Amino acid sequence: MNFAAIMFGSLKRLRKVEDRMFRVAEQYRSIVQIDQAGFSSRSKQGFRFPIYSLIAGKKKARARAGFIAGVHGLEVIGVQVLLHFMEHALERFKKEIEKGQLSLSFLPLLNPGGLAMRSRSNPAGVDLMRNAGQDAERAPFFFGGHFISPLLPYYRGKSLQPEARTLLRFIHQSFYGHKKGLMPVFDIHSGFGSRDQIWWPYAGKSDAPVDQHLFERLTGELRRAHPEYIYTPQSESYMIHGDLWDRIYDSYQIRNAKNAARLLPLTLEISTWTELRERPRRLLSKKKLFNPPRKKRRDALDKHTELLASVIDWTLTSP
């Protein structure tokens, strides 16, 4: 892919996403700050894509939550869900944000280069969700992450990528240093399974996290309101090497051991396999494999928005 094609693709695919981010920031400018959180990895032509974050609320707010999407560039539905939810949440919880009761942190598109270039991986060919460095106790060959070549999917990379460092920095700035509070952070993905799922750590080992009771408490509340989802540790679905959230979660335990605040990373995995039985040809399209059909997209936006709003409700009412 030459530089002109990259530029054309980026303008075509990124413009809508970035324009929407800036429109939201302008509409809610009294409570929202938009910043350039980092850059993507460099493409072969030397181009780097900006990564934006939006922060709503005061740093000392009692309740806080985070939402991330677009780790994999092909999973467009996750970005669309987060943008839809972001507008809904800023309107629905505006009073709580203005009163200093709530802070919301959004990273709508972590892998803009992947989206622009129609690639699951970043511009360097690295699968960001297999890039954190640690080895799983067991993982499927190839799919679980490999070092064979960046030309193949699921390549782990030999160093922490700029997008991954941007995510670590975003989490540190938004959630470190707080002495109390339960802080859920949702990462939105798509493309696995025939039912939507909610996962919590770990992805690389079968050990229960130290906050297992808190993950069960949150997902128990969500299950009552949203029973159509599957709620489980990720390791019960499959294991992978180099999971970013495993690294982030363990690092937070070490660096914030003296504080009562707890970081609770979870993954929303939007299923797309139900269509394969009726339309096997979807397997031939990378985009269709990771995203629901257009006619079902609106229902998905509304469904997942209500789930994520329930997460904020839980955060506001938790001690």
C-alpha atoms as a PDB file:
ATOM      1  CA  MET A   1       0.000   0.000   0.000  1.00  0.00           C
ATOM      2  CA  ASN A   2       1.581   3.304  -1.066  1.00  0.00           C
ATOM      3  CA  PHE A   3       1.501   6.561   0.880  1.00  0.00           C
ATOM      4  CA  ALA A   4      -1.224   8.093  -1.313  1.00  0.00           C
ATOM      5  CA  ALA A   5      -3.469   5.087  -0.694  1.00  0.00           C
ATOM      6  CA  ILE A   6      -2.869   5.343   3.047  1.00  0.00           C
ATOM      7  CA  MET A   7      -3.748   9.018   3.052  1.00  0.00           C
ATOM      8  CA  PHE A   8      -6.878   8.410   0.985  1.00  0.00           C
ATOM      9  CA  GLY A   9      -7.921   5.556   3.273  1.00  0.00           C
ATOM     10  CA  SER A  10      -7.242   7.533   6.424  1.00  0.00           C
ATOM     11  CA  LEU A  11      -9.241  10.524   5.233  1.00  0.00           C
ATOM     12  CA  LYS A  12     -12.117   8.290   4.190  1.00  0.00           C
ATOM     13  CA  ARG A  13     -12.279   6.088   7.294  1.00  0.00           C
ATOM     14  CA  LEU A  14     -10.967   8.313  10.050  1.00  0.00           C
ATOM     15  CA  ARG A  15     -12.683  11.576   9.175  1.00  0.00           C
ATOM     16  CA  LYS A  16     -16.097  10.484  10.437  1.00  0.00           C
ATOM     17  CA  VAL A  17     -14.692   9.119  13.680  1.00  0.00           C
ATOM     18  CA  GLU A  18     -12.485  12.108  14.443  1.00  0.00           C
ATOM     19  CA  ASP A  19     -15.125  14.635  13.373  1.00  0.00           C
ATOM     20  CA  ARG A  20     -17.601  13.008  15.706  1.00  0.00           C
ATOM     21  CA  MET A  21     -15.132  13.132  18.604  1.00  0.00           C
ATOM     22  CA  PHE A  22     -14.538  16.838  18.067  1.00  0.00           C
ATOM     23  CA  ARG A  23     -18.267  17.540  17.708  1.00  0.00           C
ATOM     24  CA  VAL A  24     -18.931  15.831  21.032  1.00  0.00           C
ATOM     25  CA  ALA A  25     -16.090  17.738  22.675  1.00  0.00           C
ATOM     26  CA  GLU A  26     -17.495  21.005  21.355  1.00  0.00           C
ATOM     27  CA  GLN A  27     -21.093  20.202  22.340  1.00  0.00           C
ATOM     28  CA  TYR A  28     -20.044  19.341  25.904  1.00  0.00           C
ATOM     29  CA  ARG A  29     -17.104  21.717  26.149  1.00  0.00           C
ATOM     30  CA  SER A  30     -18.157  22.809  29.659  1.00  0.00           C
ATOM     31  CA  ILE A  31     -17.396  19.304  30.981  1.00  0.00           C
ATOM     32  CA  VAL A  32     -15.215  17.596  28.320  1.00  0.00           C
ATOM     33  CA  GLN A  33     -11.567  18.028  27.419  1.00  0.00           C
ATOM     34  CA  ILE A  34     -10.216  16.407  24.253  1.00  0.00           C
ATOM     35  CA  ASP A  35      -6.483  15.746  23.993  1.00  0.00           C
ATOM     36  CA  GLN A  36      -4.059  13.996  21.720  1.00  0.00           C
ATOM     37  CA  ALA A  37      -3.104  11.058  23.903  1.00  0.00           C
ATOM     38  CA  GLY A  38      -0.403   9.724  21.595  1.00  0.00           C
ATOM     39  CA  PHE A  39       0.514   8.546  18.106  1.00  0.00           C
ATOM     40  CA  SER A  40       0.204   5.258  16.284  1.00  0.00           C
ATOM     41  CA  SER A  41       3.208   3.245  15.199  1.00  0.00           C
ATOM     42  CA  ARG A  42       4.867   4.447  12.043  1.00  0.00           C
ATOM     43  CA  SER A  43       3.726   3.055   8.700  1.00  0.00           C
ATOM     44  CA  LYS A  44       6.214   1.897   6.078  1.00  0.00           C
ATOM     45  CA  GLN A  45       5.848   5.314   4.475  1.00  0.00           C
ATOM     46  CA  GLY A  46       6.675   7.088   7.750  1.00  0.00           C
ATOM     47  CA  PHE A  47       3.122   8.254   8.548  1.00  0.00           C
ATOM     48  CA  ARG A  48       1.778   8.241  12.119  1.00  0.00           C
ATOM     49  CA  PHE A  49      -1.882   8.623  13.101  1.00  0.00           C
ATOM     50  CA  PRO A  50      -2.953  10.704  16.131  1.00  0.00           C
ATOM     51  CA  ILE A  51      -4.797   9.011  19.010  1.00  0.00           C
ATOM     52  CA  TYR A  52      -7.354  11.108  20.898  1.00  0.00           C
ATOM     53  CA  SER A  53      -8.824  10.850  24.390  1.00  0.00           C
ATOM     54  CA  LEU A  54     -11.815  12.652  25.889  1.00  0.00           C
ATOM     55  CA  ILE A  55     -12.052  13.250  29.636  1.00  0.00           C
ATOM     56  CA  ALA A  56     -15.256  14.415  31.301  1.00  0.00           C
ATOM     57  CA  GLY A  57     -15.325  15.530  34.918  1.00  0.00           C
ATOM     58  CA  LYS A  58     -12.976  16.531  37.676  1.00  0.00           C
ATOM     59  CA  LYS A  59      -9.844  14.633  38.632  1.00  0.00           C
ATOM     60  CA  LYS A  60     -11.002  14.264  42.242  1.00  0.00           C
ATOM     61  CA  ALA A  61     -14.470  12.930  41.392  1.00  0.00           C
ATOM     62  CA  ARG A  62     -15.626  10.190  43.762  1.00  0.00           C
ATOM     63  CA  ALA A  63     -16.800   7.826  41.012  1.00  0.00           C
ATOM     64  CA  ARG A  64     -14.931   7.168  37.774  1.00  0.00           C
ATOM     65  CA  ALA A  65     -15.031   4.792  34.829  1.00  0.00           C
ATOM     66  CA  GLY A  66     -13.180   4.328  31.538  1.00  0.00           C
ATOM     67  CA  PHE A  67     -14.113   3.093  28.071  1.00  0.00           C
ATOM     68  CA  ILE A  68     -11.796   2.042  25.241  1.00  0.00           C
ATOM     69  CA  ALA A  69     -12.424   0.772  21.686  1.00  0.00           C
ATOM     70  CA  GLY A  70     -10.659   0.225  18.385  1.00  0.00           C
ATOM     71  CA  VAL A  71      -7.740  -1.840  19.694  1.00  0.00           C
ATOM     72  CA  HIS A  72      -8.146  -3.917  16.545  1.00  0.00           C
ATOM     73  CA  GLY A  73      -8.629  -1.838  13.420  1.00  0.00           C
ATOM     74  CA  LEU A  74     -11.154  -4.176  11.782  1.00  0.00           C
ATOM     75  CA  GLU A  75     -13.550  -4.102  14.753  1.00  0.00           C
ATOM     76  CA  VAL A  76     -15.417  -1.012  13.633  1.00  0.00           C
ATOM     77  CA  ILE A  77     -18.607  -1.853  15.538  1.00  0.00           C
ATOM     78  CA  GLY A  78     -16.754  -1.367  18.834  1.00  0.00           C
ATOM     79  CA  VAL A  79     -15.767   2.182  17.856  1.00  0.00           C
ATOM     80  CA  GLN A  80     -19.338   2.910  16.751  1.00  0.00           C
ATOM     81  CA  VAL A  81     -20.743   1.570  20.019  1.00  0.00           C
ATOM     82  CA  LEU A  82     -18.358   3.678  22.088  1.00  0.00           C
ATOM     83  CA  LEU A  83     -19.062   6.885  20.151  1.00  0.00           C
ATOM     84  CA  HIS A  84     -22.815   6.283  20.477  1.00  0.00           C
ATOM     85  CA  PHE A  85     -22.484   5.498  24.173  1.00  0.00           C
ATOM     86  CA  MET A  86     -20.212   8.479  24.810  1.00  0.00           C
ATOM     87  CA  GLU A  87     -22.834  10.939  23.592  1.00  0.00           C
ATOM     88  CA  HIS A  88     -25.536   9.143  25.565  1.00  0.00           C
ATOM     89  CA  ALA A  89     -23.476   9.068  28.771  1.00  0.00           C
ATOM     90  CA  LEU A  90     -22.445  12.719  28.634  1.00  0.00           C
ATOM     91  CA  GLU A  91     -26.092  13.740  28.337  1.00  0.00           C
ATOM     92  CA  ARG A  92     -27.493  11.231  30.822  1.00  0.00           C
ATOM     93  CA  PHE A  93     -24.890  11.835  33.532  1.00  0.00           C
ATOM     94  CA  LYS A  94     -24.185  15.495  32.874  1.00  0.00           C
ATOM     95  CA  LYS A  95     -25.397  16.655  36.301  1.00  0.00           C
ATOM     96  CA  GLU A  96     -23.261  14.127  38.163  1.00  0.00           C
ATOM     97  CA  ILE A  97     -20.235  15.206  36.114  1.00  0.00           C
ATOM     98  CA  GLU A  98     -20.899  18.916  36.707  1.00  0.00           C
ATOM     99  CA  LYS A  99     -21.270  18.349  40.470  1.00  0.00           C
ATOM    100  CA  GLY A 100     -17.910  16.606  40.637  1.00  0.00           C
ATOM    101  CA  GLN A 101     -19.451  13.243  41.512  1.00  0.00           C
ATOM    102  CA  LEU A 102     -18.365  11.431  38.352  1.00  0.00           C
ATOM    103  CA  SER A 103     -15.433  11.360  35.943  1.00  0.00           C
ATOM    104  CA  LEU A 104     -15.523   9.498  32.628  1.00  0.00           C
ATOM    105  CA  SER A 105     -12.477   8.753  30.469  1.00  0.00           C
ATOM    106  CA  PHE A 106     -12.875   7.752  26.809  1.00  0.00           C
ATOM    107  CA  LEU A 107     -10.334   6.438  24.300  1.00  0.00           C
ATOM    108  CA  PRO A 108     -12.604   5.809  21.293  1.00  0.00           C
ATOM    109  CA  LEU A 109      -9.967   4.597  18.813  1.00  0.00           C
ATOM    110  CA  LEU A 110      -6.673   3.211  20.088  1.00  0.00           C
ATOM    111  CA  ASN A 111      -5.577   1.856  16.692  1.00  0.00           C
ATOM    112  CA  PRO A 112      -6.433   4.548  14.097  1.00  0.00           C
ATOM    113  CA  GLY A 113      -3.811   3.232  11.693  1.00  0.00           C
ATOM    114  CA  GLY A 114      -5.412  -0.200  11.693  1.00  0.00           C
ATOM    115  CA  LEU A 115      -8.842   1.269  10.994  1.00  0.00           C
ATOM    116  CA  ALA A 116      -7.543   3.471   8.192  1.00  0.00           C
ATOM    117  CA  MET A 117      -5.605   0.654   6.556  1.00  0.00           C
ATOM    118  CA  ARG A 118      -8.316  -1.985   7.100  1.00  0.00           C
ATOM    119  CA  SER A 119      -6.040  -4.090   9.260  1.00  0.00           C
ATOM    120  CA  ARG A 120      -6.581  -5.892  12.547  1.00  0.00           C
ATOM    121  CA  SER A 121      -3.013  -5.012  13.518  1.00  0.00           C
ATOM    122  CA  ASN A 122      -1.370  -1.608  13.872  1.00  0.00           C
ATOM    123  CA  PRO A 123       0.669  -0.101  10.981  1.00  0.00           C
ATOM    124  CA  ALA A 124       3.708  -2.098  12.127  1.00  0.00           C
ATOM    125  CA  GLY A 125       1.797  -5.368  11.785  1.00  0.00           C
ATOM    126  CA  VAL A 126       1.490  -5.974  15.551  1.00  0.00           C
ATOM    127  CA  ASP A 127      -1.654  -7.301  17.225  1.00  0.00           C
ATOM    128  CA  LEU A 128      -1.916  -4.894  20.141  1.00  0.00           C
ATOM    129  CA  MET A 129      -3.820  -7.323  22.352  1.00  0.00           C
ATOM    130  CA  ARG A 130      -0.910  -9.752  22.180  1.00  0.00           C
ATOM    131  CA  ASN A 131       1.821  -7.164  22.619  1.00  0.00           C
ATOM    132  CA  ALA A 132       2.265  -6.799  26.396  1.00  0.00           C
ATOM    133  CA  GLY A 133       5.244  -9.147  26.649  1.00  0.00           C
ATOM    134  CA  GLN A 134       4.154 -11.818  29.120  1.00  0.00           C
ATOM    135  CA  ASP A 135       3.659 -15.459  28.094  1.00  0.00           C
ATOM    136  CA  ALA A 136       0.418 -17.303  28.779  1.00  0.00           C
ATOM    137  CA  GLU A 137       0.498 -20.544  30.761  1.00  0.00           C
ATOM    138  CA  ARG A 138      -1.036 -22.063  27.624  1.00  0.00           C
ATOM    139  CA  ALA A 139      -2.393 -20.549  24.436  1.00  0.00           C
ATOM    140  CA  PRO A 140      -3.479 -21.889  21.041  1.00  0.00           C
ATOM    141  CA  PHE A 141      -0.760 -21.994  18.434  1.00  0.00           C
ATOM    142  CA  PHE A 142      -0.704 -18.967  16.113  1.00  0.00           C
ATOM    143  CA  PHE A 143      -4.079 -17.516  17.224  1.00  0.00           C
ATOM    144  CA  GLY A 144      -2.764 -17.043  20.765  1.00  0.00           C
ATOM    145  CA  GLY A 145       0.108 -14.890  19.516  1.00  0.00           C
ATOM    146  CA  HIS A 146       3.383 -15.615  17.701  1.00  0.00           C
ATOM    147  CA  PHE A 147       6.744 -14.145  16.644  1.00  0.00           C
ATOM    148  CA  ILE A 148       6.760 -15.609  13.121  1.00  0.00           C
ATOM    149  CA  SER A 149       6.209 -12.464  11.044  1.00  0.00           C
ATOM    150  CA  PRO A 150       4.367  -9.104  11.168  1.00  0.00           C
ATOM    151  CA  LEU A 151       2.901 -10.066   7.791  1.00  0.00           C
ATOM    152  CA  LEU A 152       0.706 -12.627   9.567  1.00  0.00           C
ATOM    153  CA  PRO A 153      -2.211 -11.875  11.935  1.00  0.00           C
ATOM    154  CA  TYR A 154      -1.750 -12.226  15.710  1.00  0.00           C
ATOM    155  CA  TYR A 155       1.929 -11.192  15.567  1.00  0.00           C
ATOM    156  CA  ARG A 156       3.055 -10.258  19.099  1.00  0.00           C
ATOM    157  CA  GLY A 157       5.795  -7.770  18.263  1.00  0.00           C
ATOM    158  CA  LYS A 158       9.209  -7.648  19.894  1.00  0.00           C
ATOM    159  CA  SER A 159       8.697  -4.368  21.780  1.00  0.00           C
ATOM    160  CA  LEU A 160       5.805  -2.505  23.368  1.00  0.00           C
ATOM    161  CA  GLN A 161       4.087  -0.536  20.611  1.00  0.00           C
ATOM    162  CA  PRO A 162       3.291   3.220  20.733  1.00  0.00           C
ATOM    163  CA  GLU A 163      -0.451   2.451  20.852  1.00  0.00           C
ATOM    164  CA  ALA A 164       0.054   0.120  23.824  1.00  0.00           C
ATOM    165  CA  ARG A 165       2.167   2.748  25.602  1.00  0.00           C
ATOM    166  CA  THR A 166      -0.604   5.287  24.917  1.00  0.00           C
ATOM    167  CA  LEU A 167      -3.131   3.000  26.615  1.00  0.00           C
ATOM    168  CA  LEU A 168      -0.871   2.467  29.629  1.00  0.00           C
ATOM    169  CA  ARG A 169      -0.365   6.233  29.918  1.00  0.00           C
ATOM    170  CA  PHE A 170      -4.124   6.852  29.582  1.00  0.00           C
ATOM    171  CA  ILE A 171      -4.867   4.396  32.405  1.00  0.00           C
ATOM    172  CA  HIS A 172      -2.151   5.882  34.592  1.00  0.00           C
ATOM    173  CA  GLN A 173      -3.362   9.450  34.127  1.00  0.00           C
ATOM    174  CA  SER A 174      -7.036   8.604  34.593  1.00  0.00           C
ATOM    175  CA  PHE A 175      -6.994   6.019  37.384  1.00  0.00           C
ATOM    176  CA  TYR A 176      -3.742   6.040  39.340  1.00  0.00           C
ATOM    177  CA  GLY A 177      -3.359   7.968  42.588  1.00  0.00           C
ATOM    178  CA  HIS A 178      -6.910   7.538  43.902  1.00  0.00           C
ATOM    179  CA  LYS A 179      -7.155   6.191  47.436  1.00  0.00           C
ATOM    180  CA  LYS A 180     -10.640   4.694  47.276  1.00  0.00           C
ATOM    181  CA  GLY A 181     -13.398   3.762  44.866  1.00  0.00           C
ATOM    182  CA  LEU A 182     -14.203   0.977  42.403  1.00  0.00           C
ATOM    183  CA  MET A 183     -13.124   1.961  38.907  1.00  0.00           C
ATOM    184  CA  PRO A 184     -14.411  -0.212  36.038  1.00  0.00           C
ATOM    185  CA  VAL A 185     -12.718   0.129  32.649  1.00  0.00           C
ATOM    186  CA  PHE A 186     -14.428  -1.446  29.642  1.00  0.00           C
ATOM    187  CA  ASP A 187     -12.601  -2.380  26.445  1.00  0.00           C
ATOM    188  CA  ILE A 188     -14.958  -3.054  23.503  1.00  0.00           C
ATOM    189  CA  HIS A 189     -14.093  -5.762  20.955  1.00  0.00           C
ATOM    190  CA  SER A 190     -15.979  -7.840  18.390  1.00  0.00           C
ATOM    191  CA  GLY A 191     -15.718 -10.990  16.330  1.00  0.00           C
ATOM    192  CA  PHE A 192     -15.812 -13.910  18.785  1.00  0.00           C
ATOM    193  CA  GLY A 193     -18.650 -16.278  19.609  1.00  0.00           C
ATOM    194  CA  SER A 194     -22.361 -16.542  18.951  1.00  0.00           C
ATOM    195  CA  ARG A 195     -23.341 -14.617  22.109  1.00  0.00           C
ATOM    196  CA  ASP A 196     -22.117 -11.287  23.455  1.00  0.00           C
ATOM    197  CA  GLN A 197     -19.744 -11.766  26.361  1.00  0.00           C
ATOM    198  CA  ILE A 198     -18.284  -9.835  29.292  1.00  0.00           C
ATOM    199  CA  TRP A 199     -14.805 -10.972  30.321  1.00  0.00           C
ATOM    200  CA  TRP A 200     -12.510 -10.082  33.207  1.00  0.00           C
ATOM    201  CA  PRO A 201      -8.861 -11.095  33.906  1.00  0.00           C
ATOM    202  CA  TYR A 202      -7.042 -13.228  33.284  1.00  0.00           C
ATOM    203  CA  ALA A 203      -6.447 -13.975  29.606  1.00  0.00           C
ATOM    204  CA  GLY A 204      -3.044 -15.599  30.114  1.00  0.00           C
ATOM    205  CA  LYS A 205      -3.563 -17.777  33.179  1.00  0.00           C
ATOM    206  CA  SER A 206      -6.334 -19.607  34.969  1.00  0.00           C
ATOM    207  CA  ASP A 207      -5.659 -17.980  38.365  1.00  0.00           C
ATOM    208  CA  ALA A 208      -8.503 -15.975  39.857  1.00  0.00           C
ATOM    209  CA  PRO A 209      -7.665 -12.257  40.242  1.00  0.00           C
ATOM    210  CA  VAL A 210      -7.390 -10.811  43.737  1.00  0.00           C
ATOM    211  CA  ASP A 211     -10.538  -8.780  42.991  1.00  0.00           C
ATOM    212  CA  GLN A 212     -12.564 -11.797  41.905  1.00  0.00           C
ATOM    213  CA  HIS A 213     -15.305 -10.926  44.403  1.00  0.00           C
ATOM    214  CA  LEU A 214     -15.578  -7.416  42.953  1.00  0.00           C
ATOM    215  CA  PHE A 215     -15.752  -8.670  39.365  1.00  0.00           C
ATOM    216  CA  GLU A 216     -18.474 -11.094  40.461  1.00  0.00           C
ATOM    217  CA  ARG A 217     -20.280  -8.345  42.306  1.00  0.00           C
ATOM    218  CA  LEU A 218     -20.298  -6.017  39.275  1.00  0.00           C
ATOM    219  CA  THR A 219     -21.166  -8.705  36.745  1.00  0.00           C
ATOM    220  CA  GLY A 220     -23.840 -10.054  39.087  1.00  0.00           C
ATOM    221  CA  GLU A 221     -25.564  -6.681  38.997  1.00  0.00           C
ATOM    222  CA  LEU A 222     -25.187  -6.504  35.227  1.00  0.00           C
ATOM    223  CA  ARG A 223     -26.484 -10.057  34.791  1.00  0.00           C
ATOM    224  CA  ARG A 224     -29.719  -9.203  36.561  1.00  0.00           C
ATOM    225  CA  ALA A 225     -30.394  -6.285  34.214  1.00  0.00           C
ATOM    226  CA  HIS A 226     -28.788  -7.772  31.081  1.00  0.00           C
ATOM    227  CA  PRO A 227     -29.100 -11.593  31.202  1.00  0.00           C
ATOM    228  CA  GLU A 228     -28.518 -11.970  27.458  1.00  0.00           C
ATOM    229  CA  TYR A 229     -24.727 -11.631  27.926  1.00  0.00           C
ATOM    230  CA  ILE A 230     -22.296 -14.353  29.049  1.00  0.00           C
ATOM    231  CA  TYR A 231     -20.194 -13.275  32.061  1.00  0.00           C
ATOM    232  CA  THR A 232     -16.922 -15.119  32.639  1.00  0.00           C
ATOM    233  CA  PRO A 233     -13.139 -14.769  33.099  1.00  0.00           C
ATOM    234  CA  GLN A 234     -11.524 -14.610  29.666  1.00  0.00           C
ATOM    235  CA  SER A 235      -9.412 -17.700  30.359  1.00  0.00           C
ATOM    236  CA  GLU A 236     -12.597 -19.807  30.250  1.00  0.00           C
ATOM    237  CA  SER A 237     -13.083 -18.799  26.589  1.00  0.00           C
ATOM    238  CA  TYR A 238      -9.463 -18.908  25.408  1.00  0.00           C
ATOM    239  CA  MET A 239      -5.986 -17.821  26.497  1.00  0.00           C
ATOM    240  CA  ILE A 240      -3.529 -15.555  24.695  1.00  0.00           C
ATOM    241  CA  HIS A 241       0.024 -14.340  25.153  1.00  0.00           C
ATOM    242  CA  GLY A 242       0.739 -10.694  25.907  1.00  0.00           C
ATOM    243  CA  ASP A 243      -2.734  -9.524  26.923  1.00  0.00           C
ATOM    244  CA  LEU A 244      -2.589  -5.785  27.647  1.00  0.00           C
ATOM    245  CA  TRP A 245      -5.224  -5.895  30.371  1.00  0.00           C
ATOM    246  CA  ASP A 246      -3.411  -8.655  32.245  1.00  0.00           C
ATOM    247  CA  ARG A 247      -0.336  -6.428  32.311  1.00  0.00           C
ATOM    248  CA  ILE A 248      -2.292  -3.299  33.266  1.00  0.00           C
ATOM    249  CA  TYR A 249      -4.214  -5.080  36.011  1.00  0.00           C
ATOM    250  CA  ASP A 250      -1.145  -6.706  37.605  1.00  0.00           C
ATOM    251  CA  SER A 251       0.837  -3.479  37.383  1.00  0.00           C
ATOM    252  CA  TYR A 252      -1.939  -1.595  39.147  1.00  0.00           C
ATOM    253  CA  GLN A 253      -1.987  -4.171  41.983  1.00  0.00           C
ATOM    254  CA  ILE A 254       1.740  -3.678  42.570  1.00  0.00           C
ATOM    255  CA  ARG A 255       1.856   0.104  42.327  1.00  0.00           C
ATOM    256  CA  ASN A 256      -1.333   0.821  44.280  1.00  0.00           C
ATOM    257  CA  ALA A 257      -1.178  -1.912  46.910  1.00  0.00           C
ATOM    258  CA  LYS A 258      -1.577   0.576  49.786  1.00  0.00           C
ATOM    259  CA  ASN A 259      -4.736   2.185  48.381  1.00  0.00           C
ATOM    260  CA  ALA A 260      -8.297   0.928  48.739  1.00  0.00           C
ATOM    261  CA  ALA A 261      -9.162   1.996  45.177  1.00  0.00           C
ATOM    262  CA  ARG A 262      -9.569  -0.903  42.771  1.00  0.00           C
ATOM    263  CA  LEU A 263      -9.144  -0.900  38.982  1.00  0.00           C
ATOM    264  CA  LEU A 264     -11.534  -3.380  37.359  1.00  0.00           C
ATOM    265  CA  PRO A 265     -10.750  -3.963  33.651  1.00  0.00           C
ATOM    266  CA  LEU A 266     -13.397  -5.833  31.666  1.00  0.00           C
ATOM    267  CA  THR A 267     -13.879  -6.645  27.996  1.00  0.00           C
ATOM    268  CA  LEU A 268     -17.140  -6.421  26.087  1.00  0.00           C
ATOM    269  CA  GLU A 269     -16.843  -8.948  23.257  1.00  0.00           C
ATOM    270  CA  ILE A 270     -19.583  -8.350  20.680  1.00  0.00           C
ATOM    271  CA  SER A 271     -20.450 -11.620  18.945  1.00  0.00           C
ATOM    272  CA  THR A 272     -20.553 -11.843  15.152  1.00  0.00           C
ATOM    273  CA  TRP A 273     -20.673 -15.600  14.539  1.00  0.00           C
ATOM    274  CA  THR A 274     -24.468 -15.992  14.457  1.00  0.00           C
ATOM    275  CA  GLU A 275     -24.556 -14.670  10.884  1.00  0.00           C
ATOM    276  CA  LEU A 276     -22.027 -17.208   9.615  1.00  0.00           C
ATOM    277  CA  ARG A 277     -24.502 -20.088   9.635  1.00  0.00           C
ATOM    278  CA  GLU A 278     -26.904 -18.139   7.430  1.00  0.00           C
ATOM    279  CA  ARG A 279     -24.258 -16.321   5.385  1.00  0.00           C
ATOM    280  CA  PRO A 280     -21.048 -18.425   5.225  1.00  0.00           C
ATOM    281  CA  ARG A 281     -19.673 -16.037   2.580  1.00  0.00           C
ATOM    282  CA  ARG A 282     -19.052 -13.524   5.396  1.00  0.00           C
ATOM    283  CA  LEU A 283     -15.923 -15.568   6.154  1.00  0.00           C
ATOM    284  CA  LEU A 284     -14.444 -14.209   2.924  1.00  0.00           C
ATOM    285  CA  SER A 285     -14.651 -10.609   4.153  1.00  0.00           C
ATOM    286  CA  LYS A 286     -12.396  -9.432   6.978  1.00  0.00           C
ATOM    287  CA  LYS A 287     -14.680  -6.499   7.733  1.00  0.00           C
ATOM    288  CA  LYS A 288     -17.896  -8.559   7.783  1.00  0.00           C
ATOM    289  CA  LEU A 289     -16.308 -11.270   9.922  1.00  0.00           C
ATOM    290  CA  PHE A 290     -15.729  -8.782  12.754  1.00  0.00           C
ATOM    291  CA  ASN A 291     -18.882  -6.672  12.441  1.00  0.00           C
ATOM    292  CA  PRO A 292     -22.659  -7.307  12.430  1.00  0.00           C
ATOM    293  CA  PRO A 293     -24.719  -6.644   9.284  1.00  0.00           C
ATOM    294  CA  ARG A 294     -25.775  -3.045   8.730  1.00  0.00           C
ATOM    295  CA  LYS A 295     -29.442  -3.814   9.450  1.00  0.00           C
ATOM    296  CA  LYS A 296     -28.553  -5.046  12.959  1.00  0.00           C
ATOM    297  CA  ARG A 297     -26.147  -2.248  13.797  1.00  0.00           C
ATOM    298  CA  ARG A 298     -28.669   0.130  15.368  1.00  0.00           C
ATOM    299  CA  ASP A 299     -29.969  -2.549  17.707  1.00  0.00           C
ATOM    300  CA  ALA A 300     -26.387  -3.323  18.742  1.00  0.00           C
ATOM    301  CA  LEU A 301     -25.649   0.343  19.467  1.00  0.00           C
ATOM    302  CA  ASP A 302     -28.692   0.687  21.723  1.00  0.00           C
ATOM    303  CA  LYS A 303     -28.228  -2.662  23.458  1.00  0.00           C
ATOM    304  CA  HIS A 304     -24.585  -2.156  24.400  1.00  0.00           C
ATOM    305  CA  THR A 305     -25.133   1.495  25.318  1.00  0.00           C
ATOM    306  CA  GLU A 306     -27.651   0.431  27.959  1.00  0.00           C
ATOM    307  CA  LEU A 307     -25.207  -2.146  29.326  1.00  0.00           C
ATOM    308  CA  LEU A 308     -22.402   0.415  29.637  1.00  0.00           C
ATOM    309  CA  ALA A 309     -24.767   2.960  31.215  1.00  0.00           C
ATOM    310  CA  SER A 310     -25.567   0.324  33.843  1.00  0.00           C
ATOM    311  CA  VAL A 311     -21.847   0.151  34.611  1.00  0.00           C
ATOM    312  CA  ILE A 312     -21.841   3.873  35.407  1.00  0.00           C
ATOM    313  CA  ASP A 313     -24.965   3.502  37.561  1.00  0.00           C
ATOM    314  CA  TRP A 314     -23.186   0.776  39.521  1.00  0.00           C
ATOM    315  CA  THR A 315     -20.071   2.915  39.905  1.00  0.00           C
ATOM    316  CA  LEU A 316     -22.102   5.832  41.275  1.00  0.00           C
ATOM    317  CA  THR A 317     -23.863   3.681  43.868  1.00  0.00           C
ATOM    318  CA  SER A 318     -20.857   1.600  44.978  1.00  0.00           C
ATOM    319  CA  PRO A 319     -19.156   2.615  48.243  1.00  0.00           C
END
